[in-house]
Amino acid sequence: MLEILQKITLLILSLIVAFFLFLRIDIIHRGGPVMIAMIIFSIFVMSIITERFWLFFRMRIDVSKFMEIILQALKRRQVKEAIELCDKSPHPVGLILKSGIIKSGYGRDKIKEAMEDASLYEVPRLEKNLNLLSTLAHLSPLLGLLGTVTGLAKCFQVIQLKSTAITAVTLGDLSGGVWEALITTMAGLAIAIPAYLAYNYLVNRVNGFVLEMERSATELLNFLTERDEPGL
């Protein structure tokens, strides 16, 4: 519910900013009404990219070193300390390991199930808004194409009106439609290119986080089950 309210608030603010820029900046105004949607798209793209980059920056840790510290604590039977370390970790691997440690002693299947359940919460958190970013990256050039078509339609409308009035068509008559066509095309590409690059980079980062989570979970699972085996 909170996430929906945040997006609605961002949409309203984007509309206000878009109308202000459309009315005050000449080059945006020449792009026609499509530029309002373009500005909204660009604000959402920048918001998503900034939020995801900041989140992933805060999650940066040396997972191998962190895993080593956790295993050392478990070897000393300091389970509470290991759980506290997991709670303090900004990396999603912390919650995965904590879920497995809590189920320590319940058998391999229970430990594995607990960590898999935790991953069902962490992975969507990592992927949050990436589908929206991808959608905006694909829609932006299409929206630019729409602006191009409407601009060209204006040009042909002017030609038709002038021909009906038996008046020569000048470059000035066509400039408005040409401006709209070129500006919207440029705006669509200017939004789509960085959005698509950021999307691919962020997806790779998510895949990297997931791989680290899987490796750490497997290492912890093997450690806990081998330690609990008779004679160990």
C-alpha atoms as a PDB file:
ATOM      1  CA  MET A   1       0.000   0.000   0.000  1.00  0.00           C
ATOM      2  CA  LEU A   2       2.828   2.382   0.910  1.00  0.00           C
ATOM      3  CA  GLU A   3       4.592   1.636  -2.381  1.00  0.00           C
ATOM      4  CA  ILE A   4       1.417   2.456  -4.351  1.00  0.00           C
ATOM      5  CA  LEU A   5       1.014   5.756  -2.491  1.00  0.00           C
ATOM      6  CA  GLN A   6       4.647   6.622  -3.218  1.00  0.00           C
ATOM      7  CA  LYS A   7       4.161   5.996  -6.936  1.00  0.00           C
ATOM      8  CA  ILE A   8       0.947   8.016  -7.016  1.00  0.00           C
ATOM      9  CA  THR A   9       2.699  10.887  -5.236  1.00  0.00           C
ATOM     10  CA  LEU A  10       5.617  10.710  -7.678  1.00  0.00           C
ATOM     11  CA  LEU A  11       3.178  10.685 -10.608  1.00  0.00           C
ATOM     12  CA  ILE A  12       1.369  13.787  -9.325  1.00  0.00           C
ATOM     13  CA  LEU A  13       4.639  15.642  -8.745  1.00  0.00           C
ATOM     14  CA  SER A  14       5.844  14.555 -12.189  1.00  0.00           C
ATOM     15  CA  LEU A  15       2.688  15.942 -13.792  1.00  0.00           C
ATOM     16  CA  ILE A  16       3.168  19.279 -12.045  1.00  0.00           C
ATOM     17  CA  VAL A  17       6.812  19.482 -13.109  1.00  0.00           C
ATOM     18  CA  ALA A  18       5.964  18.365 -16.654  1.00  0.00           C
ATOM     19  CA  PHE A  19       3.291  21.041 -17.123  1.00  0.00           C
ATOM     20  CA  PHE A  20       5.582  23.719 -15.692  1.00  0.00           C
ATOM     21  CA  LEU A  21       8.462  22.793 -17.999  1.00  0.00           C
ATOM     22  CA  PHE A  22       6.111  22.457 -20.983  1.00  0.00           C
ATOM     23  CA  LEU A  23       4.806  25.978 -20.454  1.00  0.00           C
ATOM     24  CA  ARG A  24       8.113  27.650 -19.573  1.00  0.00           C
ATOM     25  CA  ILE A  25      10.740  26.020 -21.811  1.00  0.00           C
ATOM     26  CA  ASP A  26      10.363  26.765 -25.499  1.00  0.00           C
ATOM     27  CA  ILE A  27      12.107  23.702 -26.927  1.00  0.00           C
ATOM     28  CA  ILE A  28       9.935  21.401 -24.809  1.00  0.00           C
ATOM     29  CA  HIS A  29       6.801  23.304 -25.818  1.00  0.00           C
ATOM     30  CA  ARG A  30       7.720  22.875 -29.483  1.00  0.00           C
ATOM     31  CA  GLY A  31       7.755  19.119 -28.984  1.00  0.00           C
ATOM     32  CA  GLY A  32       4.010  19.162 -28.410  1.00  0.00           C
ATOM     33  CA  PRO A  33       1.855  17.439 -25.766  1.00  0.00           C
ATOM     34  CA  VAL A  34       3.822  14.191 -26.116  1.00  0.00           C
ATOM     35  CA  MET A  35       6.682  15.927 -24.292  1.00  0.00           C
ATOM     36  CA  ILE A  36       4.602  16.000 -21.106  1.00  0.00           C
ATOM     37  CA  ALA A  37       4.571  12.207 -21.066  1.00  0.00           C
ATOM     38  CA  MET A  38       8.287  12.210 -21.951  1.00  0.00           C
ATOM     39  CA  ILE A  39       9.107  14.352 -18.914  1.00  0.00           C
ATOM     40  CA  ILE A  40       7.065  12.051 -16.664  1.00  0.00           C
ATOM     41  CA  PHE A  41       8.895   9.045 -18.089  1.00  0.00           C
ATOM     42  CA  SER A  42      12.277  10.682 -17.517  1.00  0.00           C
ATOM     43  CA  ILE A  43      11.439  11.512 -13.887  1.00  0.00           C
ATOM     44  CA  PHE A  44      10.382   7.925 -13.184  1.00  0.00           C
ATOM     45  CA  VAL A  45      13.496   6.575 -14.918  1.00  0.00           C
ATOM     46  CA  MET A  46      15.812   8.842 -12.912  1.00  0.00           C
ATOM     47  CA  SER A  47      14.004   8.002  -9.669  1.00  0.00           C
ATOM     48  CA  ILE A  48      14.249   4.246 -10.206  1.00  0.00           C
ATOM     49  CA  ILE A  49      17.901   4.351 -11.291  1.00  0.00           C
ATOM     50  CA  THR A  50      18.923   6.583  -8.375  1.00  0.00           C
ATOM     51  CA  GLU A  51      17.053   4.484  -5.795  1.00  0.00           C
ATOM     52  CA  ARG A  52      18.421   1.156  -7.111  1.00  0.00           C
ATOM     53  CA  PHE A  53      22.012   2.410  -7.392  1.00  0.00           C
ATOM     54  CA  TRP A  54      21.881   3.790  -3.848  1.00  0.00           C
ATOM     55  CA  LEU A  55      20.391   0.558  -2.478  1.00  0.00           C
ATOM     56  CA  PHE A  56      22.982  -1.653  -4.180  1.00  0.00           C
ATOM     57  CA  PHE A  57      25.771   0.685  -3.089  1.00  0.00           C
ATOM     58  CA  ARG A  58      24.695   0.309   0.553  1.00  0.00           C
ATOM     59  CA  MET A  59      24.568  -3.480   0.177  1.00  0.00           C
ATOM     60  CA  ARG A  60      28.217  -3.763  -0.814  1.00  0.00           C
ATOM     61  CA  ILE A  61      30.180  -6.084   1.484  1.00  0.00           C
ATOM     62  CA  ASP A  62      32.886  -8.719   1.109  1.00  0.00           C
ATOM     63  CA  VAL A  63      30.594 -11.754   1.147  1.00  0.00           C
ATOM     64  CA  SER A  64      33.486 -14.251   1.377  1.00  0.00           C
ATOM     65  CA  LYS A  65      34.913 -12.508   4.432  1.00  0.00           C
ATOM     66  CA  PHE A  66      31.456 -12.155   5.981  1.00  0.00           C
ATOM     67  CA  MET A  67      30.804 -15.851   5.431  1.00  0.00           C
ATOM     68  CA  GLU A  68      34.123 -16.716   7.048  1.00  0.00           C
ATOM     69  CA  ILE A  69      33.237 -14.655  10.136  1.00  0.00           C
ATOM     70  CA  ILE A  70      29.831 -16.349  10.422  1.00  0.00           C
ATOM     71  CA  LEU A  71      31.309 -19.841  10.152  1.00  0.00           C
ATOM     72  CA  GLN A  72      33.988 -19.021  12.721  1.00  0.00           C
ATOM     73  CA  ALA A  73      31.287 -17.873  15.152  1.00  0.00           C
ATOM     74  CA  LEU A  74      29.298 -21.075  14.554  1.00  0.00           C
ATOM     75  CA  LYS A  75      32.399 -23.205  15.083  1.00  0.00           C
ATOM     76  CA  ARG A  76      32.753 -21.581  18.505  1.00  0.00           C
ATOM     77  CA  ARG A  77      29.043 -22.337  19.129  1.00  0.00           C
ATOM     78  CA  GLN A  78      28.316 -18.617  19.317  1.00  0.00           C
ATOM     79  CA  VAL A  79      24.966 -18.846  17.548  1.00  0.00           C
ATOM     80  CA  LYS A  80      23.589 -15.628  19.048  1.00  0.00           C
ATOM     81  CA  GLU A  81      26.627 -13.680  17.838  1.00  0.00           C
ATOM     82  CA  ALA A  82      26.243 -15.150  14.328  1.00  0.00           C
ATOM     83  CA  ILE A  83      22.572 -14.131  14.212  1.00  0.00           C
ATOM     84  CA  GLU A  84      23.419 -10.603  15.372  1.00  0.00           C
ATOM     85  CA  LEU A  85      26.029 -10.320  12.622  1.00  0.00           C
ATOM     86  CA  CYS A  86      23.423 -11.403  10.080  1.00  0.00           C
ATOM     87  CA  ASP A  87      20.975  -8.800  11.384  1.00  0.00           C
ATOM     88  CA  LYS A  88      23.573  -6.044  11.000  1.00  0.00           C
ATOM     89  CA  SER A  89      24.513  -7.053   7.456  1.00  0.00           C
ATOM     90  CA  PRO A  90      23.080  -4.748   4.741  1.00  0.00           C
ATOM     91  CA  HIS A  91      23.529  -7.522   2.169  1.00  0.00           C
ATOM     92  CA  PRO A  92      20.508  -9.810   1.520  1.00  0.00           C
ATOM     93  CA  VAL A  93      22.739 -12.795   2.313  1.00  0.00           C
ATOM     94  CA  GLY A  94      22.374 -11.823   5.974  1.00  0.00           C
ATOM     95  CA  LEU A  95      18.682 -12.757   6.117  1.00  0.00           C
ATOM     96  CA  ILE A  96      19.317 -15.966   4.166  1.00  0.00           C
ATOM     97  CA  LEU A  97      22.020 -17.125   6.561  1.00  0.00           C
ATOM     98  CA  LYS A  98      20.016 -16.082   9.608  1.00  0.00           C
ATOM     99  CA  SER A  99      17.064 -18.201   8.453  1.00  0.00           C
ATOM    100  CA  GLY A 100      19.346 -21.212   8.077  1.00  0.00           C
ATOM    101  CA  ILE A 101      21.099 -20.691  11.422  1.00  0.00           C
ATOM    102  CA  ILE A 102      17.775 -20.462  13.265  1.00  0.00           C
ATOM    103  CA  LYS A 103      16.787 -23.853  11.837  1.00  0.00           C
ATOM    104  CA  SER A 104      20.145 -25.392  12.782  1.00  0.00           C
ATOM    105  CA  GLY A 105      19.590 -28.850  14.247  1.00  0.00           C
ATOM    106  CA  TYR A 106      16.256 -29.424  12.465  1.00  0.00           C
ATOM    107  CA  GLY A 107      17.780 -31.369   9.592  1.00  0.00           C
ATOM    108  CA  ARG A 108      19.033 -30.527   6.121  1.00  0.00           C
ATOM    109  CA  ASP A 109      15.595 -30.253   4.513  1.00  0.00           C
ATOM    110  CA  LYS A 110      14.288 -27.789   7.118  1.00  0.00           C
ATOM    111  CA  ILE A 111      17.394 -25.618   6.898  1.00  0.00           C
ATOM    112  CA  LYS A 112      17.249 -25.562   3.103  1.00  0.00           C
ATOM    113  CA  GLU A 113      13.523 -24.789   3.098  1.00  0.00           C
ATOM    114  CA  ALA A 114      14.000 -21.902   5.548  1.00  0.00           C
ATOM    115  CA  MET A 115      16.703 -20.300   3.402  1.00  0.00           C
ATOM    116  CA  GLU A 116      14.656 -20.783   0.227  1.00  0.00           C
ATOM    117  CA  ASP A 117      11.680 -19.091   1.896  1.00  0.00           C
ATOM    118  CA  ALA A 118      13.899 -16.159   2.893  1.00  0.00           C
ATOM    119  CA  SER A 119      15.142 -15.833  -0.690  1.00  0.00           C
ATOM    120  CA  LEU A 120      11.526 -15.526  -1.852  1.00  0.00           C
ATOM    121  CA  TYR A 121      11.433 -12.261   0.100  1.00  0.00           C
ATOM    122  CA  GLU A 122      14.899 -10.967  -0.776  1.00  0.00           C
ATOM    123  CA  VAL A 123      14.949 -11.562  -4.545  1.00  0.00           C
ATOM    124  CA  PRO A 124      11.778  -9.517  -5.266  1.00  0.00           C
ATOM    125  CA  ARG A 125      13.225  -6.735  -3.088  1.00  0.00           C
ATOM    126  CA  LEU A 126      16.317  -6.683  -5.301  1.00  0.00           C
ATOM    127  CA  GLU A 127      14.226  -6.716  -8.489  1.00  0.00           C
ATOM    128  CA  LYS A 128      11.828  -4.000  -7.331  1.00  0.00           C
ATOM    129  CA  ASN A 129      10.862  -1.552 -10.119  1.00  0.00           C
ATOM    130  CA  LEU A 130      13.234  -3.135 -12.651  1.00  0.00           C
ATOM    131  CA  ASN A 131      10.293  -4.319 -14.756  1.00  0.00           C
ATOM    132  CA  LEU A 132       8.950  -0.761 -14.741  1.00  0.00           C
ATOM    133  CA  LEU A 133      12.362   0.543 -15.801  1.00  0.00           C
ATOM    134  CA  SER A 134      12.451  -1.954 -18.664  1.00  0.00           C
ATOM    135  CA  THR A 135       8.939  -0.958 -19.732  1.00  0.00           C
ATOM    136  CA  LEU A 136       9.826   2.738 -19.761  1.00  0.00           C
ATOM    137  CA  ALA A 137      12.998   2.009 -21.744  1.00  0.00           C
ATOM    138  CA  HIS A 138      10.955   0.235 -24.422  1.00  0.00           C
ATOM    139  CA  LEU A 139       8.036   2.690 -24.451  1.00  0.00           C
ATOM    140  CA  SER A 140      10.118   5.888 -24.664  1.00  0.00           C
ATOM    141  CA  PRO A 141      11.230   5.476 -28.304  1.00  0.00           C
ATOM    142  CA  LEU A 142       7.683   4.405 -29.231  1.00  0.00           C
ATOM    143  CA  LEU A 143       6.362   7.554 -27.596  1.00  0.00           C
ATOM    144  CA  GLY A 144       8.981   9.502 -29.530  1.00  0.00           C
ATOM    145  CA  LEU A 145       7.775   7.827 -32.702  1.00  0.00           C
ATOM    146  CA  LEU A 146       4.239   8.894 -31.858  1.00  0.00           C
ATOM    147  CA  GLY A 147       5.471  12.470 -31.566  1.00  0.00           C
ATOM    148  CA  THR A 148       7.245  12.096 -34.900  1.00  0.00           C
ATOM    149  CA  VAL A 149       4.044  10.905 -36.557  1.00  0.00           C
ATOM    150  CA  THR A 150       1.953  13.731 -35.062  1.00  0.00           C
ATOM    151  CA  GLY A 151       4.588  16.255 -36.163  1.00  0.00           C
ATOM    152  CA  LEU A 152       4.579  14.936 -39.720  1.00  0.00           C
ATOM    153  CA  ALA A 153       0.779  14.894 -39.672  1.00  0.00           C
ATOM    154  CA  LYS A 154       0.844  18.608 -38.841  1.00  0.00           C
ATOM    155  CA  CYS A 155       3.154  19.208 -41.802  1.00  0.00           C
ATOM    156  CA  PHE A 156       0.776  17.452 -44.194  1.00  0.00           C
ATOM    157  CA  GLN A 157      -2.165  19.272 -42.661  1.00  0.00           C
ATOM    158  CA  VAL A 158      -0.470  22.598 -43.418  1.00  0.00           C
ATOM    159  CA  ILE A 159       0.291  21.458 -46.970  1.00  0.00           C
ATOM    160  CA  GLN A 160      -3.342  20.484 -47.480  1.00  0.00           C
ATOM    161  CA  LEU A 161      -4.662  23.800 -46.146  1.00  0.00           C
ATOM    162  CA  LYS A 162      -2.214  25.813 -48.251  1.00  0.00           C
ATOM    163  CA  SER A 163      -2.979  23.846 -51.394  1.00  0.00           C
ATOM    164  CA  THR A 164      -6.698  24.352 -50.864  1.00  0.00           C
ATOM    165  CA  ALA A 165      -6.105  28.089 -50.497  1.00  0.00           C
ATOM    166  CA  ILE A 166      -3.822  28.038 -53.552  1.00  0.00           C
ATOM    167  CA  THR A 167      -0.989  29.484 -51.463  1.00  0.00           C
ATOM    168  CA  ALA A 168       2.656  28.521 -51.689  1.00  0.00           C
ATOM    169  CA  VAL A 169       3.947  26.372 -48.821  1.00  0.00           C
ATOM    170  CA  THR A 170       7.038  27.805 -47.131  1.00  0.00           C
ATOM    171  CA  LEU A 171       9.600  26.213 -44.833  1.00  0.00           C
ATOM    172  CA  GLY A 172       8.251  28.356 -42.020  1.00  0.00           C
ATOM    173  CA  ASP A 173       4.834  26.749 -42.459  1.00  0.00           C
ATOM    174  CA  LEU A 174       6.330  23.294 -41.991  1.00  0.00           C
ATOM    175  CA  SER A 175       8.840  24.141 -39.265  1.00  0.00           C
ATOM    176  CA  GLY A 176       6.398  23.610 -36.384  1.00  0.00           C
ATOM    177  CA  GLY A 177       5.618  20.034 -37.382  1.00  0.00           C
ATOM    178  CA  VAL A 178       9.266  19.276 -38.166  1.00  0.00           C
ATOM    179  CA  TRP A 179      10.325  20.632 -34.782  1.00  0.00           C
ATOM    180  CA  GLU A 180       7.788  18.412 -33.030  1.00  0.00           C
ATOM    181  CA  ALA A 181       8.889  15.345 -34.989  1.00  0.00           C
ATOM    182  CA  LEU A 182      12.599  15.844 -34.318  1.00  0.00           C
ATOM    183  CA  ILE A 183      12.336  16.903 -30.658  1.00  0.00           C
ATOM    184  CA  THR A 184      10.106  13.996 -29.643  1.00  0.00           C
ATOM    185  CA  THR A 185      12.324  11.484 -31.454  1.00  0.00           C
ATOM    186  CA  MET A 186      15.388  12.893 -29.742  1.00  0.00           C
ATOM    187  CA  ALA A 187      13.677  12.910 -26.340  1.00  0.00           C
ATOM    188  CA  GLY A 188      12.521   9.303 -26.732  1.00  0.00           C
ATOM    189  CA  LEU A 189      16.032   8.104 -27.532  1.00  0.00           C
ATOM    190  CA  ALA A 190      17.577  10.273 -24.797  1.00  0.00           C
ATOM    191  CA  ILE A 191      15.380   8.542 -22.230  1.00  0.00           C
ATOM    192  CA  ALA A 192      15.525   5.020 -23.659  1.00  0.00           C
ATOM    193  CA  ILE A 193      19.301   4.679 -24.093  1.00  0.00           C
ATOM    194  CA  PRO A 194      20.385   5.394 -20.479  1.00  0.00           C
ATOM    195  CA  ALA A 195      17.320   3.568 -19.127  1.00  0.00           C
ATOM    196  CA  TYR A 196      18.131   0.421 -21.092  1.00  0.00           C
ATOM    197  CA  LEU A 197      21.827   0.556 -20.147  1.00  0.00           C
ATOM    198  CA  ALA A 198      20.945   1.036 -16.475  1.00  0.00           C
ATOM    199  CA  TYR A 199      18.414  -1.797 -16.628  1.00  0.00           C
ATOM    200  CA  ASN A 200      20.965  -4.261 -17.979  1.00  0.00           C
ATOM    201  CA  TYR A 201      23.553  -3.179 -15.419  1.00  0.00           C
ATOM    202  CA  LEU A 202      21.080  -3.484 -12.533  1.00  0.00           C
ATOM    203  CA  VAL A 203      19.886  -6.907 -13.710  1.00  0.00           C
ATOM    204  CA  ASN A 204      23.508  -8.077 -13.743  1.00  0.00           C
ATOM    205  CA  ARG A 205      23.937  -6.742 -10.212  1.00  0.00           C
ATOM    206  CA  VAL A 206      20.823  -8.598  -9.080  1.00  0.00           C
ATOM    207  CA  ASN A 207      22.120 -11.807 -10.660  1.00  0.00           C
ATOM    208  CA  GLY A 208      25.392 -11.263  -8.818  1.00  0.00           C
ATOM    209  CA  PHE A 209      23.575 -10.844  -5.499  1.00  0.00           C
ATOM    210  CA  VAL A 210      21.515 -13.981  -6.141  1.00  0.00           C
ATOM    211  CA  LEU A 211      24.635 -15.986  -6.985  1.00  0.00           C
ATOM    212  CA  GLU A 212      26.321 -14.841  -3.757  1.00  0.00           C
ATOM    213  CA  MET A 213      23.193 -15.769  -1.808  1.00  0.00           C
ATOM    214  CA  GLU A 214      23.078 -19.242  -3.354  1.00  0.00           C
ATOM    215  CA  ARG A 215      26.761 -19.903  -2.736  1.00  0.00           C
ATOM    216  CA  SER A 216      26.588 -18.710   0.866  1.00  0.00           C
ATOM    217  CA  ALA A 217      23.414 -20.702   1.542  1.00  0.00           C
ATOM    218  CA  THR A 218      24.972 -23.879   0.146  1.00  0.00           C
ATOM    219  CA  GLU A 219      28.146 -23.339   2.180  1.00  0.00           C
ATOM    220  CA  LEU A 220      26.175 -22.788   5.382  1.00  0.00           C
ATOM    221  CA  LEU A 221      23.916 -25.760   4.660  1.00  0.00           C
ATOM    222  CA  ASN A 222      26.891 -28.071   4.190  1.00  0.00           C
ATOM    223  CA  PHE A 223      28.575 -26.733   7.312  1.00  0.00           C
ATOM    224  CA  LEU A 224      25.519 -27.155   9.541  1.00  0.00           C
ATOM    225  CA  THR A 225      24.609 -30.628   8.284  1.00  0.00           C
ATOM    226  CA  GLU A 226      28.177 -31.942   8.403  1.00  0.00           C
ATOM    227  CA  ARG A 227      28.662 -30.537  11.891  1.00  0.00           C
ATOM    228  CA  ASP A 228      25.484 -32.190  13.123  1.00  0.00           C
ATOM    229  CA  GLU A 229      26.380 -35.592  11.716  1.00  0.00           C
ATOM    230  CA  PRO A 230      27.185 -38.243  14.336  1.00  0.00           C
ATOM    231  CA  GLY A 231      30.855 -38.411  15.238  1.00  0.00           C
ATOM    232  CA  LEU A 232      31.591 -34.781  14.120  1.00  0.00           C
END
